[in-house]
Amino acid sequence: MRKIVIALPKGHRLLARSYEVFKNAGYASGSLENAILCKEQKQLQHDSDCGRVAYLLVRNMDIPQYVDRNWAELGLTAFDCYREYELSSVAGGLAMRGDNFITDLLPDLALCGQSRFCVAGTPQGRDFYEKCKKSDEKILTVATQHPNIAAKYFYSQRMLADIITITGSSEIMPAHGSVDAIFDIVETGSALVENGLVIYDEAMPIQTKILVSKAAYKYDVNVAAMVDTISRLIK
């Protein structure tokens, strides 16, 4: 029997909590549990004890692609990863990404705590930000690692924004990067405080979802049964 492939986020922050969701559904893996306890993640595939599941440890940002391309039947990831992946098809003129996975079969697992997308900047920059919210002529320059989510958010707020894509920490940008604000994920807010920034607006919470392959859910009864089991456990 072919194993159900599940992509889990590699790294200490989400892996243990992600694995618990599937363990509680009856798909325990002694090999993966040992790797989590030893904080050893060089081995990237771990089979379940029942032999029906193969867990793949994958970078969080890559999980949507794994499910979208049917490299995995399910994948657990955060909103910022799968939504940025979906929206990149629109921004880049690519074939529709995210068309082969379903995000709403299962509810938010709430594994990201208080994390949410926020618009932040220096205290002295707040007045300009408020003016941008009320004007269709002023342009807000925003640095972010999530350009497509940011662009959609500011469009929804009817704000003109020049989105600058960065790949590292954004907190330093308002002081040294000639930007008016940042659009970033905030949990405790301590990094903002340490860099002299304040939150201007809280945009949206970060949900944690299990992505399910449309094809697998439709044609594989074992995948459908797994989703049903997990759904009953989290409700």
Protein backbone atom coordinates (compact mmCIF):
# COMPACT_ATOMS: atom_id res chain seq x y z
CA MET A 1 0.00 0.00 0.00
CA ARG A 2 1.32 3.43 -0.95
CA LYS A 3 2.17 5.63 2.02
CA ILE A 4 0.42 8.95 2.57
CA VAL A 5 3.12 11.63 2.34
CA ILE A 6 2.81 14.48 4.85
CA ALA A 7 5.06 17.55 4.69
CA LEU A 8 5.85 19.05 8.11
CA PRO A 9 7.73 22.30 8.81
CA LYS A 10 11.39 21.63 9.45
CA GLY A 11 12.71 23.50 12.50
CA HIS A 12 12.15 23.45 16.23
CA ARG A 13 9.43 26.08 16.40
CA LEU A 14 6.54 24.29 14.69
CA LEU A 15 7.66 20.71 14.08
CA ALA A 16 6.78 19.19 17.46
CA ARG A 17 3.34 20.81 17.61
CA SER A 18 2.63 19.93 13.97
CA TYR A 19 3.55 16.31 14.49
CA GLU A 20 1.28 16.06 17.56
CA VAL A 21 -1.75 16.75 15.36
CA PHE A 22 -1.09 13.62 13.30
CA LYS A 23 0.13 11.56 16.25
CA ASN A 24 -3.18 12.18 18.02
CA ALA A 25 -4.96 11.00 14.87
CA GLY A 26 -3.21 7.62 15.15
CA TYR A 27 -0.10 8.12 13.03
CA ALA A 28 2.72 8.07 15.59
CA SER A 29 6.34 7.80 14.49
CA GLY A 30 8.93 6.72 17.04
CA SER A 31 11.69 7.74 14.64
CA LEU A 32 10.36 11.29 14.28
CA GLU A 33 9.70 11.62 18.01
CA ASN A 34 13.29 10.65 18.73
CA ALA A 35 14.55 13.21 16.21
CA ILE A 36 12.42 15.91 17.84
CA LEU A 37 13.63 15.02 21.34
CA CYS A 38 17.27 14.96 20.23
CA LYS A 39 16.81 18.12 18.15
CA GLU A 40 18.36 16.22 15.27
CA GLN A 41 16.85 16.91 11.85
CA LYS A 42 19.43 15.68 9.36
CA GLN A 43 17.17 12.75 8.48
CA LEU A 44 14.36 14.31 6.48
CA GLN A 45 11.98 11.37 6.10
CA HIS A 46 10.43 9.41 8.95
CA ASP A 47 7.84 6.66 8.52
CA SER A 48 4.96 6.15 10.92
CA ASP A 49 4.99 3.10 13.15
CA CYS A 50 1.92 1.75 11.36
CA GLY A 51 3.71 2.00 8.01
CA ARG A 52 0.95 4.01 6.37
CA VAL A 53 2.50 7.48 6.53
CA ALA A 54 5.80 9.05 5.47
CA TYR A 55 6.65 12.35 7.14
CA LEU A 56 8.88 14.73 5.19
CA LEU A 57 10.65 17.57 7.00
CA VAL A 58 10.51 20.56 4.67
CA ARG A 59 11.21 24.29 4.84
CA ASN A 60 7.98 26.03 5.81
CA MET A 61 7.99 28.17 2.67
CA ASP A 62 8.24 25.08 0.43
CA ILE A 63 5.33 23.13 1.89
CA PRO A 64 2.61 24.74 -0.30
CA GLN A 65 4.55 23.74 -3.41
CA TYR A 66 4.93 20.16 -2.18
CA VAL A 67 1.16 19.77 -1.86
CA ASP A 68 0.36 21.81 -4.96
CA ARG A 69 2.57 19.58 -7.12
CA ASN A 70 1.38 16.35 -5.46
CA TRP A 71 4.77 15.61 -3.94
CA ALA A 72 2.83 15.32 -0.67
CA GLU A 73 -0.84 14.60 0.01
CA LEU A 74 -0.98 16.90 3.05
CA GLY A 75 1.19 19.63 4.47
CA LEU A 76 0.99 21.75 7.59
CA THR A 77 2.07 25.36 7.22
CA ALA A 78 1.29 28.92 8.26
CA PHE A 79 -0.87 31.48 6.47
CA ASP A 80 2.08 33.66 5.44
CA CYS A 81 3.64 30.78 3.50
CA TYR A 82 0.65 29.41 1.61
CA ARG A 83 -0.97 32.78 0.91
CA GLU A 84 2.26 34.31 -0.40
CA TYR A 85 2.65 31.23 -2.60
CA GLU A 86 -0.90 31.55 -3.95
CA LEU A 87 -0.63 35.27 -4.65
CA SER A 88 2.75 34.94 -6.36
CA SER A 89 1.01 33.44 -9.39
CA VAL A 90 -1.01 36.61 -9.85
CA ALA A 91 1.94 38.94 -9.35
CA GLY A 92 4.30 36.93 -11.55
CA GLY A 93 1.90 36.01 -14.32
CA LEU A 94 2.55 32.32 -13.63
CA ALA A 95 0.21 29.38 -13.92
CA MET A 96 -2.23 29.48 -11.03
CA ARG A 97 -0.44 28.35 -7.89
CA GLY A 98 -2.39 26.79 -5.07
CA ASP A 99 -5.03 25.50 -7.47
CA ASN A 100 -4.41 21.91 -6.38
CA PHE A 101 -4.68 22.28 -2.61
CA ILE A 102 -7.56 23.00 -0.28
CA THR A 103 -7.03 25.28 2.72
CA ASP A 104 -10.45 25.22 4.37
CA LEU A 105 -11.18 21.53 4.94
CA LEU A 106 -9.78 21.87 8.45
CA PRO A 107 -9.91 24.86 10.84
CA ASP A 108 -7.03 26.95 12.08
CA LEU A 109 -4.85 24.85 14.38
CA ALA A 110 -3.73 27.96 16.30
CA LEU A 111 -0.10 26.84 16.49
CA CYS A 112 1.35 30.31 15.90
CA GLY A 113 0.21 31.84 19.19
CA GLN A 114 -0.35 35.59 19.01
CA SER A 115 1.52 36.01 15.72
CA ARG A 116 -0.09 38.44 13.30
CA PHE A 117 0.82 40.66 10.38
CA CYS A 118 1.38 44.25 11.44
CA VAL A 119 2.27 47.56 9.86
CA ALA A 120 4.92 49.25 11.97
CA GLY A 121 7.28 52.20 11.85
CA THR A 122 8.89 54.90 13.91
CA PRO A 123 6.73 56.96 16.30
CA GLN A 124 7.49 60.12 14.32
CA GLY A 125 6.34 58.43 11.11
CA ARG A 126 2.83 57.70 12.35
CA ASP A 127 1.41 61.05 11.20
CA PHE A 128 2.52 60.42 7.62
CA TYR A 129 1.04 56.92 7.78
CA GLU A 130 -2.31 58.31 8.90
CA LYS A 131 -2.21 60.85 6.07
CA CYS A 132 -1.58 58.04 3.59
CA LYS A 133 -4.69 56.28 4.86
CA LYS A 134 -6.78 59.29 3.97
CA SER A 135 -5.08 60.42 0.74
CA ASP A 136 -5.04 58.97 -2.77
CA GLU A 137 -1.94 60.98 -3.63
CA LYS A 138 0.56 60.13 -0.89
CA ILE A 139 2.57 56.95 -1.38
CA LEU A 140 3.73 54.85 1.58
CA THR A 141 7.08 53.07 1.08
CA VAL A 142 6.92 49.67 2.78
CA ALA A 143 9.62 47.02 3.33
CA THR A 144 8.52 43.41 3.72
CA GLN A 145 9.42 39.77 3.21
CA HIS A 146 5.85 39.13 2.06
CA PRO A 147 5.32 41.47 -0.92
CA ASN A 148 2.20 39.87 -2.35
CA ILE A 149 0.32 39.69 0.95
CA ALA A 150 1.39 43.26 1.71
CA ALA A 151 0.27 44.54 -1.69
CA LYS A 152 -3.14 42.88 -1.32
CA TYR A 153 -3.55 44.28 2.20
CA PHE A 154 -2.77 47.88 1.25
CA TYR A 155 -5.00 47.59 -1.81
CA SER A 156 -7.83 46.46 0.47
CA GLN A 157 -7.18 49.53 2.63
CA ARG A 158 -7.22 51.76 -0.45
CA MET A 159 -3.71 52.94 0.29
CA LEU A 160 -1.01 53.59 -2.29
CA ALA A 161 2.09 51.63 -1.31
CA ASP A 162 5.49 51.16 -2.88
CA ILE A 163 6.40 47.63 -1.76
CA ILE A 164 10.10 46.87 -1.34
CA THR A 165 10.98 43.19 -1.03
CA ILE A 166 13.71 42.24 1.44
CA THR A 167 14.92 38.83 2.57
CA GLY A 168 16.24 39.63 6.04
CA SER A 169 15.14 41.47 9.15
CA SER A 170 12.98 44.46 8.32
CA GLU A 171 13.03 46.22 11.70
CA ILE A 172 16.14 48.24 10.81
CA MET A 173 14.69 49.57 7.55
CA PRO A 174 12.70 52.60 8.79
CA ALA A 175 15.84 54.05 10.40
CA HIS A 176 18.33 53.21 7.67
CA GLY A 177 16.49 52.09 4.56
CA SER A 178 14.49 55.18 3.62
CA VAL A 179 11.16 53.43 4.07
CA ASP A 180 8.10 54.73 5.87
CA ALA A 181 6.95 51.45 7.38
CA ILE A 182 7.41 47.69 7.49
CA PHE A 183 4.86 44.93 6.99
CA ASP A 184 5.97 42.01 9.10
CA ILE A 185 4.92 39.18 11.39
CA VAL A 186 4.81 40.22 15.04
CA GLU A 187 4.38 37.90 18.00
CA THR A 188 5.55 39.59 21.21
CA GLY A 189 6.60 42.89 19.64
CA SER A 190 9.92 42.87 21.47
CA ALA A 191 11.95 43.19 18.25
CA LEU A 192 9.95 46.29 17.33
CA VAL A 193 10.54 47.89 20.72
CA GLU A 194 14.27 47.12 20.62
CA ASN A 195 14.53 48.88 17.28
CA GLY A 196 12.44 51.90 18.25
CA LEU A 197 9.34 50.97 16.29
CA VAL A 198 5.65 51.00 17.13
CA ILE A 199 2.69 49.19 15.59
CA TYR A 200 0.57 51.35 13.32
CA ASP A 201 -2.04 48.72 12.43
CA GLU A 202 -2.64 45.02 13.04
CA ALA A 203 -3.48 43.63 9.62
CA MET A 204 -4.42 39.97 10.11
CA PRO A 205 -3.69 36.95 12.35
CA ILE A 206 -1.37 34.15 11.27
CA GLN A 207 -3.36 30.95 10.97
CA THR A 208 -1.85 27.48 10.82
CA LYS A 209 -3.56 25.21 8.33
CA ILE A 210 -3.30 21.71 6.96
CA LEU A 211 -3.21 21.92 3.17
CA VAL A 212 -4.83 18.95 1.45
CA SER A 213 -4.24 17.89 -2.14
CA LYS A 214 -7.50 18.10 -4.09
CA ALA A 215 -6.64 15.04 -6.15
CA ALA A 216 -5.65 12.96 -3.11
CA TYR A 217 -8.74 13.99 -1.16
CA LYS A 218 -10.99 13.08 -4.08
CA TYR A 219 -9.42 9.81 -5.16
CA ASP A 220 -7.64 8.39 -2.08
CA VAL A 221 -10.05 7.08 0.55
CA ASN A 222 -7.23 6.85 3.10
CA VAL A 223 -6.48 10.56 2.77
CA ALA A 224 -10.17 11.41 3.12
CA ALA A 225 -10.40 9.19 6.22
CA MET A 226 -7.35 10.87 7.75
CA VAL A 227 -8.83 14.33 7.18
CA ASP A 228 -12.10 13.21 8.74
CA THR A 229 -10.30 11.84 11.81
CA ILE A 230 -8.30 15.03 12.31
CA SER A 231 -11.42 17.13 11.84
CA ARG A 232 -13.24 15.27 14.62
CA LEU A 233 -10.25 15.61 16.94
CA ILE A 234 -9.87 19.36 16.59
CA LYS A 235 -13.51 20.31 16.83
